[in-house]
Amino acid sequence: MGLAGRRLVAIVFDLDGTLIDSKVVVPDAYIAAVQRAGGPTYSREQVIQAYPLGPPPAILTHLLGRPCRTAETEVYHDCLTQTAHTVGVYPGVRETLFALERLVPAAVFTGATLRACSILLEGTGLRSHFSALVGADEVARPKPSPDGILLACERLRVPATSVAYVGDSHLDMEAARRCGVLAVAAGWGHLYDANTFADRVLNWPQELVTLLLGRTE
């Protein structure tokens, strides 16, 4: 089905850089966890560059230079819990999520673990807006594999061809393309690159409501 005839029945969101501005809190949690494990000190930028590697255990393994232990992942989650309430929600996101509740169900698929996703959504007060959550630790392959988006669609009980995936990174858009969902770029996100292909580019979260009401045109 082409874009013009597509009827959207659900929205799946990326988390970091799309719903929340976590470019300080999340890297700082990694930095603290690595330091407590006796590893080197990293900059926030170095941590962010490691995000494509996968969920927190994979990133910690990379940063530590050795296999990550379960206890070290727990330290990361503990650090995140302590500061999650300070994470900023992008302007317009709360209002948009309230508006979407009257239109379609929503889910989150994130490159973080399911636990980290829950911590951040609870800390920012956004958890109640979502019918389903999917963490990268629940699928075999990280983005740009479409596995997580497809699992989110399964949990929402909707066909992927009637779903939009909203994310800020090129990995988000590639994952969306690979499973046939509408690839919607969050132009406000900190990893957004105007050179990345997307079916739609939004400048503000509120434009999602217009997209839904007009379907895809």
Protein backbone atom coordinates (compact mmCIF):
# COMPACT_ATOMS: atom_id res chain seq x y z
CA MET A 1 0.00 0.00 0.00
CA GLY A 2 1.37 3.40 -0.92
CA LEU A 3 1.66 6.24 1.51
CA ALA A 4 -1.31 8.09 0.10
CA GLY A 5 -3.72 5.25 0.92
CA ARG A 6 -2.34 4.33 4.31
CA ARG A 7 -4.56 4.58 7.37
CA LEU A 8 -2.59 4.85 10.61
CA VAL A 9 -4.04 2.94 13.55
CA ALA A 10 -1.17 3.23 16.05
CA ILE A 11 2.04 5.13 16.79
CA VAL A 12 5.29 3.63 18.07
CA PHE A 13 7.88 6.00 19.48
CA ASP A 14 11.59 5.90 20.07
CA LEU A 15 12.41 7.18 23.56
CA ASP A 16 15.73 9.03 23.90
CA GLY A 17 15.90 12.07 21.65
CA THR A 18 12.27 11.70 20.60
CA LEU A 19 10.10 11.87 23.72
CA ILE A 20 12.72 12.91 26.24
CA ASP A 21 15.95 14.91 26.21
CA SER A 22 18.21 12.46 27.99
CA LYS A 23 21.54 13.41 26.46
CA VAL A 24 22.89 14.30 29.93
CA VAL A 25 21.24 11.90 32.37
CA VAL A 26 21.68 8.67 30.40
CA PRO A 27 25.37 9.18 29.50
CA ASP A 28 26.07 10.24 33.08
CA ALA A 29 24.54 6.98 34.36
CA TYR A 30 26.85 5.01 32.07
CA ILE A 31 29.86 7.07 33.11
CA ALA A 32 29.12 6.52 36.81
CA ALA A 33 28.54 2.78 36.35
CA VAL A 34 31.80 2.34 34.44
CA GLN A 35 33.78 4.32 37.01
CA ARG A 36 32.35 2.28 39.89
CA ALA A 37 33.39 -0.89 38.05
CA GLY A 38 36.96 0.40 37.84
CA GLY A 39 36.79 1.36 34.19
CA PRO A 40 38.01 4.52 32.45
CA THR A 41 36.29 7.89 32.47
CA TYR A 42 34.38 8.77 29.31
CA SER A 43 32.82 11.94 27.97
CA ARG A 44 29.09 12.10 27.30
CA GLU A 45 29.81 12.31 23.57
CA GLN A 46 31.82 9.07 23.68
CA VAL A 47 28.97 7.29 25.42
CA ILE A 48 26.40 8.55 22.92
CA GLN A 49 28.58 7.30 20.08
CA ALA A 50 28.27 3.80 21.56
CA TYR A 51 24.45 3.76 21.48
CA PRO A 52 24.23 1.83 18.15
CA LEU A 53 25.94 -1.15 19.81
CA GLY A 54 22.70 -2.21 21.48
CA PRO A 55 21.12 -2.22 24.95
CA PRO A 56 23.00 -1.22 28.15
CA PRO A 57 24.82 -4.55 28.70
CA ALA A 58 26.34 -4.30 25.21
CA ILE A 59 27.31 -0.66 25.72
CA LEU A 60 28.81 -1.34 29.16
CA THR A 61 30.80 -4.25 27.73
CA HIS A 62 32.24 -1.88 25.13
CA LEU A 63 33.01 0.87 27.62
CA LEU A 64 34.57 -1.52 30.15
CA GLY A 65 36.60 -3.37 27.54
CA ARG A 66 35.41 -6.70 28.97
CA PRO A 67 32.16 -8.61 29.42
CA CYS A 68 29.69 -6.66 31.53
CA ARG A 69 28.50 -8.35 34.72
CA THR A 70 24.86 -8.39 35.78
CA ALA A 71 25.72 -6.37 38.90
CA GLU A 72 27.23 -3.63 36.72
CA THR A 73 24.05 -3.35 34.68
CA GLU A 74 22.18 -3.05 37.98
CA VAL A 75 24.44 -0.17 38.99
CA TYR A 76 23.61 1.56 35.71
CA HIS A 77 19.89 1.14 36.33
CA ASP A 78 20.29 2.38 39.91
CA CYS A 79 22.12 5.51 38.72
CA LEU A 80 19.39 6.11 36.17
CA THR A 81 16.67 5.72 38.79
CA GLN A 82 18.27 8.37 40.99
CA THR A 83 18.24 11.02 38.25
CA ALA A 84 15.32 10.06 35.99
CA HIS A 85 13.13 12.76 37.55
CA THR A 86 15.49 15.42 36.16
CA VAL A 87 15.11 14.33 32.53
CA GLY A 88 13.44 16.90 30.32
CA VAL A 89 10.44 16.12 28.14
CA TYR A 90 10.58 17.84 24.77
CA PRO A 91 8.20 20.80 24.38
CA GLY A 92 4.85 19.70 23.02
CA VAL A 93 5.32 16.00 23.79
CA ARG A 94 2.97 15.85 26.79
CA GLU A 95 0.21 17.72 24.99
CA THR A 96 0.64 15.52 21.92
CA LEU A 97 0.45 12.30 23.92
CA PHE A 98 -2.75 13.45 25.61
CA ALA A 99 -4.25 14.27 22.20
CA LEU A 100 -3.16 10.92 20.72
CA GLU A 101 -4.94 9.01 23.49
CA ARG A 102 -8.24 10.02 21.90
CA LEU A 103 -7.14 8.84 18.47
CA VAL A 104 -4.88 5.76 18.50
CA PRO A 105 -2.92 3.55 20.91
CA ALA A 106 0.78 4.24 21.36
CA ALA A 107 3.85 2.21 22.26
CA VAL A 108 7.57 2.74 22.80
CA PHE A 109 10.43 0.76 21.29
CA THR A 110 13.78 1.91 22.59
CA GLY A 111 17.39 0.89 22.22
CA ALA A 112 17.57 0.80 26.03
CA THR A 113 16.53 -2.11 28.22
CA LEU A 114 12.89 -2.50 29.14
CA ARG A 115 13.82 -1.62 32.72
CA ALA A 116 15.62 1.57 31.69
CA CYS A 117 12.66 2.50 29.50
CA SER A 118 10.27 2.06 32.42
CA ILE A 119 12.54 4.03 34.76
CA LEU A 120 12.69 7.00 32.39
CA LEU A 121 8.99 6.98 31.54
CA GLU A 122 8.00 6.74 35.21
CA GLY A 123 10.49 9.46 36.14
CA THR A 124 9.10 11.84 33.55
CA GLY A 125 5.45 10.97 34.19
CA LEU A 126 4.86 9.67 30.67
CA ARG A 127 4.31 5.96 31.36
CA SER A 128 0.50 6.06 31.45
CA HIS A 129 0.29 7.22 27.83
CA PHE A 130 1.57 3.93 26.41
CA SER A 131 -0.21 0.63 25.91
CA ALA A 132 3.02 -1.30 25.31
CA LEU A 133 6.77 -0.98 25.85
CA VAL A 134 9.57 -2.85 24.11
CA GLY A 135 13.20 -2.78 25.19
CA ALA A 136 16.15 -3.73 23.02
CA ASP A 137 16.96 -6.51 25.51
CA GLU A 138 13.74 -8.23 24.43
CA VAL A 139 14.77 -8.75 20.81
CA ALA A 140 17.64 -10.60 19.18
CA ARG A 141 18.92 -7.73 17.07
CA PRO A 142 19.25 -3.99 17.83
CA LYS A 143 18.27 -1.17 15.48
CA PRO A 144 18.43 -0.88 12.52
CA SER A 145 16.87 -4.34 12.69
CA PRO A 146 13.07 -3.97 12.69
CA ASP A 147 12.57 -6.65 15.37
CA GLY A 148 11.63 -4.23 18.15
CA ILE A 149 9.13 -2.28 16.06
CA LEU A 150 7.49 -5.50 14.93
CA LEU A 151 7.24 -6.71 18.53
CA ALA A 152 5.64 -3.40 19.52
CA CYS A 153 3.09 -3.82 16.72
CA GLU A 154 2.42 -7.37 17.93
CA ARG A 155 1.82 -6.16 21.48
CA LEU A 156 -0.53 -3.47 20.20
CA ARG A 157 -2.20 -6.07 17.99
CA VAL A 158 -1.98 -3.92 14.88
CA PRO A 159 -0.46 -4.56 11.43
CA ALA A 160 2.90 -2.91 10.82
CA THR A 161 1.68 -1.40 7.55
CA SER A 162 -0.79 0.72 9.53
CA VAL A 163 1.74 2.06 12.04
CA ALA A 164 4.10 5.05 12.18
CA TYR A 165 7.45 4.84 13.97
CA VAL A 166 8.67 8.18 15.27
CA GLY A 167 12.39 8.54 15.98
CA ASP A 168 15.25 10.98 15.72
CA SER A 169 18.17 8.87 14.48
CA HIS A 170 19.09 7.32 11.15
CA LEU A 171 18.89 3.90 12.83
CA ASP A 172 15.26 4.61 13.74
CA MET A 173 14.38 5.50 10.17
CA GLU A 174 16.22 2.50 8.74
CA ALA A 175 14.45 0.14 11.16
CA ALA A 176 11.11 1.65 10.15
CA ARG A 177 11.84 1.20 6.46
CA ARG A 178 12.84 -2.43 6.94
CA CYS A 179 9.47 -3.42 8.39
CA GLY A 180 7.19 -1.27 6.26
CA VAL A 181 5.94 1.16 8.89
CA LEU A 182 5.73 4.87 8.14
CA ALA A 183 9.14 6.37 8.97
CA VAL A 184 8.53 9.66 10.78
CA ALA A 185 11.57 11.72 11.74
CA ALA A 186 11.49 13.72 14.96
CA GLY A 187 13.11 16.89 13.66
CA TRP A 188 13.41 18.24 17.21
CA GLY A 189 15.56 15.32 18.40
CA HIS A 190 19.25 15.67 19.20
CA LEU A 191 20.32 12.94 16.73
CA TYR A 192 18.18 14.13 13.83
CA ASP A 193 20.07 14.51 10.56
CA ALA A 194 18.32 16.24 7.68
CA ASN A 195 20.18 13.98 5.24
CA THR A 196 18.51 10.85 6.61
CA PHE A 197 15.63 9.45 4.58
CA ALA A 198 12.20 9.65 6.20
CA ASP A 199 8.66 9.35 4.86
CA ARG A 200 7.75 12.41 6.92
CA VAL A 201 9.80 14.96 8.86
CA LEU A 202 8.06 16.76 11.71
CA ASN A 203 9.37 19.94 13.27
CA TRP A 204 7.19 19.72 16.38
CA PRO A 205 5.51 16.81 18.20
CA GLN A 206 2.06 18.41 17.75
CA GLU A 207 2.32 17.77 14.00
CA LEU A 208 1.68 14.10 14.75
CA VAL A 209 -1.96 14.89 15.46
CA THR A 210 -2.29 16.58 12.06
CA LEU A 211 -0.58 13.59 10.45
CA LEU A 212 -3.07 11.23 12.04
CA LEU A 213 -6.15 13.28 11.25
CA GLY A 214 -5.02 13.58 7.66
CA ARG A 215 -3.81 9.99 7.72
CA THR A 216 -0.57 10.37 5.74
CA GLU A 217 -1.36 13.24 3.42
